[in-house]
Amino acid sequence: MEISKIMARDLSEAWFLCLRQTLAEGYEYKIDRGSYAGQRRKELDFVVVNIRCPGTRPLAPDVPQGVPPPTTMEYIESYLPYLMTAHRAKGEQYTYGQYLEKQIDEVIKMYKEDGYNTNQAFMAVGDAQSIFLSDPPCLRAIDTRIRDSQLNFVVYFRSWDLWAGFPSNLAAIQLLKEYMAGEIGVSDGEIIAMSKGMHLYEYSWELAKIAARVD
């Protein structure tokens, strides 16, 4: 398996760089099981994306004229409760928040009461029953680390739709990080995002080429 390493200034640059990398080096295959089964996607074997200043605004990428935006701040703000609270809308199998809500409070408490030098401030998504869901959670972990009085996130996605999921997920995760940093009393830091399943579905290939200015 190839390990792709991407360094980016902010969320927008990270998205564009990932588009180019996936279009150029992604493994193309037909999906046997999962979202869009029977269709094709291009996928990086394993990717590590280091985003130095993820809080830089705007959080949503600015795409060329004529390309539909992959996300908007309105959608990102509406998505945030899905990430932070246990409330489930009708028809939803799960929300990330049902796993994270109590862990968020515990991580804040841990850092405030016990200090910053710990490796235990890890938040998990999913459980032993998740494998039986028709569409298990894609986000599986948010690990945290405070260095130089900055809160950093290390996140892992088992599967990750690059076109629409990546910009919405990371923008909402960034807002969560800013909230937690404020509650702990530290500054906002970096995001390191990893996945063994970052992909572009076939419907988005041409859009991705235009957005990333790839011939």
C-alpha atoms as a PDB file:
ATOM      1  CA  MET A   1       0.000   0.000   0.000  1.00  0.00           C
ATOM      2  CA  GLU A   2       1.136   3.504  -0.856  1.00  0.00           C
ATOM      3  CA  ILE A   3       1.158   6.147   1.888  1.00  0.00           C
ATOM      4  CA  SER A   4       0.301   9.622   0.598  1.00  0.00           C
ATOM      5  CA  LYS A   5       1.454  12.609   2.667  1.00  0.00           C
ATOM      6  CA  ILE A   6      -0.108  16.008   2.101  1.00  0.00           C
ATOM      7  CA  MET A   7       0.915  19.238   3.833  1.00  0.00           C
ATOM      8  CA  ALA A   8      -1.543  22.122   3.632  1.00  0.00           C
ATOM      9  CA  ARG A   9      -1.960  25.617   5.016  1.00  0.00           C
ATOM     10  CA  ASP A  10      -5.703  25.467   5.585  1.00  0.00           C
ATOM     11  CA  LEU A  11      -8.808  23.369   4.933  1.00  0.00           C
ATOM     12  CA  SER A  12      -9.385  24.772   1.464  1.00  0.00           C
ATOM     13  CA  GLU A  13      -5.842  24.060   0.271  1.00  0.00           C
ATOM     14  CA  ALA A  14      -6.010  20.581   1.825  1.00  0.00           C
ATOM     15  CA  TRP A  15      -9.143  19.781  -0.188  1.00  0.00           C
ATOM     16  CA  PHE A  16      -7.679  20.959  -3.497  1.00  0.00           C
ATOM     17  CA  LEU A  17      -4.396  19.086  -2.905  1.00  0.00           C
ATOM     18  CA  CYS A  18      -6.282  15.908  -2.011  1.00  0.00           C
ATOM     19  CA  LEU A  19      -8.385  16.212  -5.175  1.00  0.00           C
ATOM     20  CA  ARG A  20      -5.257  16.412  -7.314  1.00  0.00           C
ATOM     21  CA  GLN A  21      -3.550  13.529  -5.519  1.00  0.00           C
ATOM     22  CA  THR A  22      -6.586  11.264  -5.763  1.00  0.00           C
ATOM     23  CA  LEU A  23      -7.180  12.028  -9.444  1.00  0.00           C
ATOM     24  CA  ALA A  24      -3.517  11.408 -10.236  1.00  0.00           C
ATOM     25  CA  GLU A  25      -2.770   8.387  -8.035  1.00  0.00           C
ATOM     26  CA  GLY A  26      -6.081   6.954  -6.848  1.00  0.00           C
ATOM     27  CA  TYR A  27      -6.749   3.248  -7.343  1.00  0.00           C
ATOM     28  CA  GLU A  28      -9.809   2.848  -9.572  1.00  0.00           C
ATOM     29  CA  TYR A  29     -12.223   0.006  -8.792  1.00  0.00           C
ATOM     30  CA  LYS A  30     -15.862  -1.051  -8.789  1.00  0.00           C
ATOM     31  CA  ILE A  31     -17.551  -0.971  -5.381  1.00  0.00           C
ATOM     32  CA  ASP A  32     -18.747  -4.405  -4.242  1.00  0.00           C
ATOM     33  CA  ARG A  33     -20.387  -3.256  -1.015  1.00  0.00           C
ATOM     34  CA  GLY A  34     -21.185   0.115   0.531  1.00  0.00           C
ATOM     35  CA  SER A  35     -22.369   3.470  -0.759  1.00  0.00           C
ATOM     36  CA  TYR A  36     -22.882   3.521  -4.547  1.00  0.00           C
ATOM     37  CA  ALA A  37     -22.343  -0.257  -4.833  1.00  0.00           C
ATOM     38  CA  GLY A  38     -21.787  -1.249  -8.458  1.00  0.00           C
ATOM     39  CA  GLN A  39     -20.304   2.115  -9.379  1.00  0.00           C
ATOM     40  CA  ARG A  40     -16.633   3.092  -9.555  1.00  0.00           C
ATOM     41  CA  ARG A  41     -14.425   5.217  -7.393  1.00  0.00           C
ATOM     42  CA  LYS A  42     -10.806   6.360  -7.185  1.00  0.00           C
ATOM     43  CA  GLU A  43      -9.206   5.893  -3.804  1.00  0.00           C
ATOM     44  CA  LEU A  44      -5.862   6.525  -2.119  1.00  0.00           C
ATOM     45  CA  ASP A  45      -4.458   3.509  -0.251  1.00  0.00           C
ATOM     46  CA  PHE A  46      -3.656   5.508   2.889  1.00  0.00           C
ATOM     47  CA  VAL A  47      -3.390   9.253   3.270  1.00  0.00           C
ATOM     48  CA  VAL A  48      -2.075  11.554   5.988  1.00  0.00           C
ATOM     49  CA  VAL A  49      -3.118  15.199   5.660  1.00  0.00           C
ATOM     50  CA  ASN A  50      -1.389  17.714   7.943  1.00  0.00           C
ATOM     51  CA  ILE A  51      -3.291  21.017   8.070  1.00  0.00           C
ATOM     52  CA  ARG A  52      -1.271  23.711   9.821  1.00  0.00           C
ATOM     53  CA  CYS A  53      -3.877  26.480  10.144  1.00  0.00           C
ATOM     54  CA  PRO A  54      -7.292  24.792   9.863  1.00  0.00           C
ATOM     55  CA  GLY A  55      -9.043  27.736  11.507  1.00  0.00           C
ATOM     56  CA  THR A  56      -8.300  30.070   8.589  1.00  0.00           C
ATOM     57  CA  ARG A  57     -11.531  31.458   7.148  1.00  0.00           C
ATOM     58  CA  PRO A  58     -13.392  30.677   5.002  1.00  0.00           C
ATOM     59  CA  LEU A  59     -13.642  27.075   6.129  1.00  0.00           C
ATOM     60  CA  ALA A  60     -15.461  26.002   2.959  1.00  0.00           C
ATOM     61  CA  PRO A  61     -13.465  25.827  -0.296  1.00  0.00           C
ATOM     62  CA  ASP A  62     -13.993  28.492  -2.957  1.00  0.00           C
ATOM     63  CA  VAL A  63     -14.573  26.611  -6.206  1.00  0.00           C
ATOM     64  CA  PRO A  64     -14.315  27.992  -9.770  1.00  0.00           C
ATOM     65  CA  GLN A  65     -17.393  29.544 -11.352  1.00  0.00           C
ATOM     66  CA  GLY A  66     -19.757  26.928 -12.722  1.00  0.00           C
ATOM     67  CA  VAL A  67     -18.727  24.232 -10.243  1.00  0.00           C
ATOM     68  CA  PRO A  68     -21.341  23.480  -7.548  1.00  0.00           C
ATOM     69  CA  PRO A  69     -19.819  24.104  -4.098  1.00  0.00           C
ATOM     70  CA  PRO A  70     -19.164  20.851  -2.215  1.00  0.00           C
ATOM     71  CA  THR A  71     -20.426  22.449   0.996  1.00  0.00           C
ATOM     72  CA  THR A  72     -21.515  25.765   2.517  1.00  0.00           C
ATOM     73  CA  MET A  73     -21.129  27.377   5.930  1.00  0.00           C
ATOM     74  CA  GLU A  74     -24.890  27.089   6.363  1.00  0.00           C
ATOM     75  CA  TYR A  75     -24.659  23.321   5.908  1.00  0.00           C
ATOM     76  CA  ILE A  76     -21.556  23.054   8.103  1.00  0.00           C
ATOM     77  CA  GLU A  77     -23.277  24.880  10.975  1.00  0.00           C
ATOM     78  CA  SER A  78     -26.362  22.664  10.630  1.00  0.00           C
ATOM     79  CA  TYR A  79     -24.078  19.591  10.603  1.00  0.00           C
ATOM     80  CA  LEU A  80     -22.342  20.585  13.861  1.00  0.00           C
ATOM     81  CA  PRO A  81     -25.082  19.222  16.194  1.00  0.00           C
ATOM     82  CA  TYR A  82     -24.771  15.878  14.363  1.00  0.00           C
ATOM     83  CA  LEU A  83     -21.149  15.872  15.504  1.00  0.00           C
ATOM     84  CA  MET A  84     -21.630  17.131  19.060  1.00  0.00           C
ATOM     85  CA  THR A  85     -25.016  15.945  20.352  1.00  0.00           C
ATOM     86  CA  ALA A  86     -26.718  12.594  20.773  1.00  0.00           C
ATOM     87  CA  HIS A  87     -29.981  13.703  19.154  1.00  0.00           C
ATOM     88  CA  ARG A  88     -30.957  11.521  16.181  1.00  0.00           C
ATOM     89  CA  ALA A  89     -33.377  12.636  13.496  1.00  0.00           C
ATOM     90  CA  LYS A  90     -36.055  10.239  12.287  1.00  0.00           C
ATOM     91  CA  GLY A  91     -34.545   7.592  10.016  1.00  0.00           C
ATOM     92  CA  GLU A  92     -30.948   8.089  11.151  1.00  0.00           C
ATOM     93  CA  GLN A  93     -29.128   4.930  12.227  1.00  0.00           C
ATOM     94  CA  TYR A  94     -26.671   6.913  14.328  1.00  0.00           C
ATOM     95  CA  THR A  95     -24.996  10.280  14.736  1.00  0.00           C
ATOM     96  CA  TYR A  96     -21.372  10.886  15.569  1.00  0.00           C
ATOM     97  CA  GLY A  97     -22.629  12.917  18.493  1.00  0.00           C
ATOM     98  CA  GLN A  98     -24.250   9.912  20.164  1.00  0.00           C
ATOM     99  CA  TYR A  99     -20.728   8.583  20.669  1.00  0.00           C
ATOM    100  CA  LEU A 100     -18.891  11.893  21.138  1.00  0.00           C
ATOM    101  CA  GLU A 101     -21.167  14.043  23.286  1.00  0.00           C
ATOM    102  CA  LYS A 102     -20.108  12.677  26.686  1.00  0.00           C
ATOM    103  CA  GLN A 103     -16.506  12.145  25.579  1.00  0.00           C
ATOM    104  CA  ILE A 104     -16.160  15.805  24.578  1.00  0.00           C
ATOM    105  CA  ASP A 105     -17.067  16.902  28.101  1.00  0.00           C
ATOM    106  CA  GLU A 106     -14.738  14.301  29.615  1.00  0.00           C
ATOM    107  CA  VAL A 107     -11.748  15.369  27.501  1.00  0.00           C
ATOM    108  CA  ILE A 108     -12.309  19.019  28.476  1.00  0.00           C
ATOM    109  CA  LYS A 109     -12.531  17.999  32.131  1.00  0.00           C
ATOM    110  CA  MET A 110      -9.427  15.794  31.862  1.00  0.00           C
ATOM    111  CA  TYR A 111      -7.253  18.583  30.507  1.00  0.00           C
ATOM    112  CA  LYS A 112      -8.583  21.221  32.912  1.00  0.00           C
ATOM    113  CA  GLU A 113      -8.285  19.100  36.055  1.00  0.00           C
ATOM    114  CA  ASP A 114      -5.288  16.839  35.368  1.00  0.00           C
ATOM    115  CA  GLY A 115      -3.038  18.850  33.041  1.00  0.00           C
ATOM    116  CA  TYR A 116      -2.026  18.692  29.404  1.00  0.00           C
ATOM    117  CA  ASN A 117       0.581  15.914  29.387  1.00  0.00           C
ATOM    118  CA  THR A 118      -1.563  12.851  28.767  1.00  0.00           C
ATOM    119  CA  ASN A 119      -2.222  10.368  25.964  1.00  0.00           C
ATOM    120  CA  GLN A 120      -5.655   9.393  27.285  1.00  0.00           C
ATOM    121  CA  ALA A 121      -7.733  12.213  25.757  1.00  0.00           C
ATOM    122  CA  PHE A 122      -8.982  10.029  22.891  1.00  0.00           C
ATOM    123  CA  MET A 123     -12.561   9.998  21.583  1.00  0.00           C
ATOM    124  CA  ALA A 124     -13.902   6.905  19.800  1.00  0.00           C
ATOM    125  CA  VAL A 125     -16.804   6.675  17.340  1.00  0.00           C
ATOM    126  CA  GLY A 126     -18.693   3.423  16.875  1.00  0.00           C
ATOM    127  CA  ASP A 127     -18.839   0.236  18.910  1.00  0.00           C
ATOM    128  CA  ALA A 128     -18.893  -3.548  18.455  1.00  0.00           C
ATOM    129  CA  GLN A 129     -22.374  -3.359  16.931  1.00  0.00           C
ATOM    130  CA  SER A 130     -21.403  -0.822  14.250  1.00  0.00           C
ATOM    131  CA  ILE A 131     -20.206  -3.552  11.878  1.00  0.00           C
ATOM    132  CA  PHE A 132     -23.816  -4.766  11.543  1.00  0.00           C
ATOM    133  CA  LEU A 133     -25.130  -1.397  10.311  1.00  0.00           C
ATOM    134  CA  SER A 134     -25.839  -1.055   6.602  1.00  0.00           C
ATOM    135  CA  ASP A 135     -23.660   2.064   6.617  1.00  0.00           C
ATOM    136  CA  PRO A 136     -21.262   2.056   9.616  1.00  0.00           C
ATOM    137  CA  PRO A 137     -19.740   5.338  10.838  1.00  0.00           C
ATOM    138  CA  CYS A 138     -17.010   6.715   8.584  1.00  0.00           C
ATOM    139  CA  LEU A 139     -15.353   8.843  11.256  1.00  0.00           C
ATOM    140  CA  ARG A 140     -13.941   6.426  13.830  1.00  0.00           C
ATOM    141  CA  ALA A 141     -11.688   8.465  16.117  1.00  0.00           C
ATOM    142  CA  ILE A 142     -10.720  11.950  17.223  1.00  0.00           C
ATOM    143  CA  ASP A 143      -7.495  11.894  19.202  1.00  0.00           C
ATOM    144  CA  THR A 144      -6.228  15.057  20.873  1.00  0.00           C
ATOM    145  CA  ARG A 145      -2.930  16.535  21.983  1.00  0.00           C
ATOM    146  CA  ILE A 146      -2.026  19.841  23.601  1.00  0.00           C
ATOM    147  CA  ARG A 147       1.433  21.150  22.733  1.00  0.00           C
ATOM    148  CA  ASP A 148       2.688  24.700  23.287  1.00  0.00           C
ATOM    149  CA  SER A 149      -0.748  25.583  24.705  1.00  0.00           C
ATOM    150  CA  GLN A 150      -2.472  24.615  21.445  1.00  0.00           C
ATOM    151  CA  LEU A 151      -5.161  21.949  21.039  1.00  0.00           C
ATOM    152  CA  ASN A 152      -4.431  19.652  18.074  1.00  0.00           C
ATOM    153  CA  PHE A 153      -6.695  16.960  16.618  1.00  0.00           C
ATOM    154  CA  VAL A 154      -5.703  13.675  14.991  1.00  0.00           C
ATOM    155  CA  VAL A 155      -8.726  12.192  13.197  1.00  0.00           C
ATOM    156  CA  TYR A 156      -9.249   8.884  11.417  1.00  0.00           C
ATOM    157  CA  PHE A 157     -11.857   8.012   8.790  1.00  0.00           C
ATOM    158  CA  ARG A 158     -12.325   4.379   7.728  1.00  0.00           C
ATOM    159  CA  SER A 159     -13.946   5.645   4.509  1.00  0.00           C
ATOM    160  CA  TRP A 160     -14.062   9.247   3.319  1.00  0.00           C
ATOM    161  CA  ASP A 161     -15.939  10.852   0.451  1.00  0.00           C
ATOM    162  CA  LEU A 162     -13.466  13.491  -0.691  1.00  0.00           C
ATOM    163  CA  TRP A 163     -15.795  15.590  -2.816  1.00  0.00           C
ATOM    164  CA  ALA A 164     -18.518  16.506  -0.312  1.00  0.00           C
ATOM    165  CA  GLY A 165     -17.661  14.687   2.917  1.00  0.00           C
ATOM    166  CA  PHE A 166     -14.104  15.972   3.433  1.00  0.00           C
ATOM    167  CA  PRO A 167     -14.862  19.728   3.417  1.00  0.00           C
ATOM    168  CA  SER A 168     -18.012  19.398   5.542  1.00  0.00           C
ATOM    169  CA  ASN A 169     -16.517  16.929   8.022  1.00  0.00           C
ATOM    170  CA  LEU A 170     -13.289  18.826   8.624  1.00  0.00           C
ATOM    171  CA  ALA A 171     -14.950  22.236   8.871  1.00  0.00           C
ATOM    172  CA  ALA A 172     -17.345  20.924  11.531  1.00  0.00           C
ATOM    173  CA  ILE A 173     -14.500  19.134  13.332  1.00  0.00           C
ATOM    174  CA  GLN A 174     -12.554  22.407  13.273  1.00  0.00           C
ATOM    175  CA  LEU A 175     -15.492  24.226  14.896  1.00  0.00           C
ATOM    176  CA  LEU A 176     -15.604  21.491  17.539  1.00  0.00           C
ATOM    177  CA  LYS A 177     -11.869  21.930  18.157  1.00  0.00           C
ATOM    178  CA  GLU A 178     -12.270  25.693  18.544  1.00  0.00           C
ATOM    179  CA  TYR A 179     -15.077  25.153  21.066  1.00  0.00           C
ATOM    180  CA  MET A 180     -13.025  22.655  23.084  1.00  0.00           C
ATOM    181  CA  ALA A 181      -9.915  24.851  23.004  1.00  0.00           C
ATOM    182  CA  GLY A 182     -11.965  27.739  24.368  1.00  0.00           C
ATOM    183  CA  GLU A 183     -13.413  25.601  27.165  1.00  0.00           C
ATOM    184  CA  ILE A 184      -9.976  24.248  28.102  1.00  0.00           C
ATOM    185  CA  GLY A 185      -8.346  27.680  27.911  1.00  0.00           C
ATOM    186  CA  VAL A 186      -5.783  27.020  25.168  1.00  0.00           C
ATOM    187  CA  SER A 187      -5.272  28.179  21.587  1.00  0.00           C
ATOM    188  CA  ASP A 188      -6.459  26.448  18.444  1.00  0.00           C
ATOM    189  CA  GLY A 189      -3.930  24.113  16.816  1.00  0.00           C
ATOM    190  CA  GLU A 190      -3.452  21.782  13.850  1.00  0.00           C
ATOM    191  CA  ILE A 191      -5.463  18.929  12.362  1.00  0.00           C
ATOM    192  CA  ILE A 192      -3.839  15.728  11.171  1.00  0.00           C
ATOM    193  CA  ALA A 193      -6.397  13.683   9.227  1.00  0.00           C
ATOM    194  CA  MET A 194      -5.843  10.063   8.160  1.00  0.00           C
ATOM    195  CA  SER A 195      -7.802   7.568   6.099  1.00  0.00           C
ATOM    196  CA  LYS A 196      -7.318   4.274   4.312  1.00  0.00           C
ATOM    197  CA  GLY A 197     -10.389   5.052   2.221  1.00  0.00           C
ATOM    198  CA  MET A 198     -10.301   8.635   0.906  1.00  0.00           C
ATOM    199  CA  HIS A 199     -12.070   8.483  -2.431  1.00  0.00           C
ATOM    200  CA  LEU A 200     -13.864  10.210  -5.260  1.00  0.00           C
ATOM    201  CA  TYR A 201     -17.028   8.618  -6.596  1.00  0.00           C
ATOM    202  CA  GLU A 202     -17.286   8.450 -10.380  1.00  0.00           C
ATOM    203  CA  TYR A 203     -20.029  11.108 -10.498  1.00  0.00           C
ATOM    204  CA  SER A 204     -17.564  13.668  -9.119  1.00  0.00           C
ATOM    205  CA  TRP A 205     -14.496  12.942 -11.275  1.00  0.00           C
ATOM    206  CA  GLU A 206     -15.148  15.603 -13.880  1.00  0.00           C
ATOM    207  CA  LEU A 207     -16.187  18.152 -11.259  1.00  0.00           C
ATOM    208  CA  ALA A 208     -13.006  17.395  -9.312  1.00  0.00           C
ATOM    209  CA  LYS A 209     -10.879  17.927 -12.429  1.00  0.00           C
ATOM    210  CA  ILE A 210     -12.440  21.334 -13.028  1.00  0.00           C
ATOM    211  CA  ALA A 211     -12.230  22.374  -9.373  1.00  0.00           C
ATOM    212  CA  ALA A 212      -8.606  21.246  -9.037  1.00  0.00           C
ATOM    213  CA  ARG A 213      -7.704  22.596 -12.498  1.00  0.00           C
ATOM    214  CA  VAL A 214      -6.479  19.218 -13.676  1.00  0.00           C
ATOM    215  CA  ASP A 215      -6.403  18.475 -17.424  1.00  0.00           C
END
